[in-house]
């Protein structure tokens, strides 16, 4: 993960145990990639982060919030909605 951390995700999602950290790491990485692909800011997440930090000085709050929301939804709805 480039700008999210496990602690930040846990704080956002109100999680306290360490038993699913690897799953949160996967969801966090996927959420960052999804946001950067959607924004079309570079070929890789690293390039996109560099582009955004050059322009804004950091990852904008709206992007960080969207990423956290993607992680939270992915974690809460891990199972398929229908068979």
Protein backbone atom coordinates (compact mmCIF):
# COMPACT_ATOMS: atom_id res chain seq x y z
CA UNK A 1 0.00 0.00 0.00
CA UNK A 2 1.26 3.45 -0.88
CA UNK A 3 -0.78 5.79 1.34
CA UNK A 4 -3.05 3.62 3.44
CA UNK A 5 -1.82 1.78 6.50
CA UNK A 6 -3.33 -1.13 8.38
CA UNK A 7 -3.80 1.09 11.44
CA UNK A 8 -5.58 3.76 9.39
CA UNK A 9 -7.88 1.14 7.83
CA UNK A 10 -8.66 -0.36 11.23
CA UNK A 11 -9.45 3.05 12.67
CA UNK A 12 -11.78 3.85 9.76
CA UNK A 13 -13.53 0.47 9.89
CA UNK A 14 -13.57 0.26 13.69
CA UNK A 15 -11.60 -2.99 13.79
CA UNK A 16 -9.39 -3.95 16.70
CA UNK A 17 -8.07 -7.48 16.14
CA UNK A 18 -4.93 -8.35 14.19
CA UNK A 19 -6.27 -11.65 12.85
CA UNK A 20 -7.22 -10.30 9.41
CA UNK A 21 -4.38 -7.88 8.71
CA UNK A 22 -3.25 -9.75 5.60
CA UNK A 23 -6.77 -9.53 4.16
CA UNK A 24 -6.91 -5.80 4.93
CA UNK A 25 -3.54 -5.40 3.22
CA UNK A 26 -4.91 -7.10 0.10
CA UNK A 27 -8.06 -4.96 0.11
CA UNK A 28 -6.04 -1.80 0.72
CA UNK A 29 -3.70 -2.49 -2.18
CA UNK A 30 -6.62 -3.34 -4.47
CA UNK A 31 -8.51 -0.19 -3.43
CA UNK A 32 -5.49 2.03 -4.14
CA UNK A 33 -5.05 0.42 -7.55
CA UNK A 34 -8.77 0.83 -8.31
CA UNK A 35 -8.71 4.53 -7.44
CA UNK A 36 -5.59 5.20 -9.46
CA UNK A 37 -6.92 3.26 -12.48
CA UNK A 38 -10.15 5.22 -12.32
CA UNK A 39 -8.30 8.53 -12.15
CA UNK A 40 -5.96 7.53 -15.00
CA UNK A 41 -2.98 9.29 -13.40
CA UNK A 42 -0.26 6.88 -14.54
CA UNK A 43 0.51 3.35 -15.59
CA UNK A 44 1.30 2.23 -12.04
CA UNK A 45 0.16 3.23 -8.58
CA UNK A 46 3.65 4.57 -7.91
CA UNK A 47 3.45 6.86 -10.95
CA UNK A 48 -0.03 8.01 -9.98
CA UNK A 49 1.04 8.78 -6.41
CA UNK A 50 4.02 10.74 -7.73
CA UNK A 51 1.77 12.70 -10.10
CA UNK A 52 -0.70 13.58 -7.35
CA UNK A 53 1.92 14.54 -4.79
CA UNK A 54 3.69 16.75 -7.33
CA UNK A 55 0.43 18.54 -8.08
CA UNK A 56 -1.16 18.67 -4.59
CA UNK A 57 1.70 18.00 -2.19
CA UNK A 58 -0.05 14.85 -0.93
CA UNK A 59 -2.81 12.44 -1.86
CA UNK A 60 -6.01 14.54 -1.76
CA UNK A 61 -8.42 13.79 1.09
CA UNK A 62 -11.23 12.79 -1.28
CA UNK A 63 -9.04 10.07 -2.81
CA UNK A 64 -7.97 8.81 0.62
CA UNK A 65 -11.61 8.73 1.74
CA UNK A 66 -12.75 6.89 -1.39
CA UNK A 67 -9.99 4.34 -0.92
CA UNK A 68 -10.93 3.74 2.70
CA UNK A 69 -14.57 3.33 1.70
CA UNK A 70 -13.62 0.73 -0.92
CA UNK A 71 -11.65 -1.22 1.68
CA UNK A 72 -14.52 -1.05 4.15
CA UNK A 73 -17.08 -2.28 1.62
CA UNK A 74 -14.76 -5.06 0.43
CA UNK A 75 -14.20 -6.20 4.00
CA UNK A 76 -17.87 -5.99 5.04
CA UNK A 77 -19.17 -7.79 1.94
CA UNK A 78 -16.60 -10.51 1.38
CA UNK A 79 -19.11 -13.09 0.23
CA UNK A 80 -20.95 -13.01 -3.07
CA UNK A 81 -24.30 -11.27 -2.95
CA UNK A 82 -25.97 -14.05 -4.93
CA UNK A 83 -24.95 -17.61 -5.77
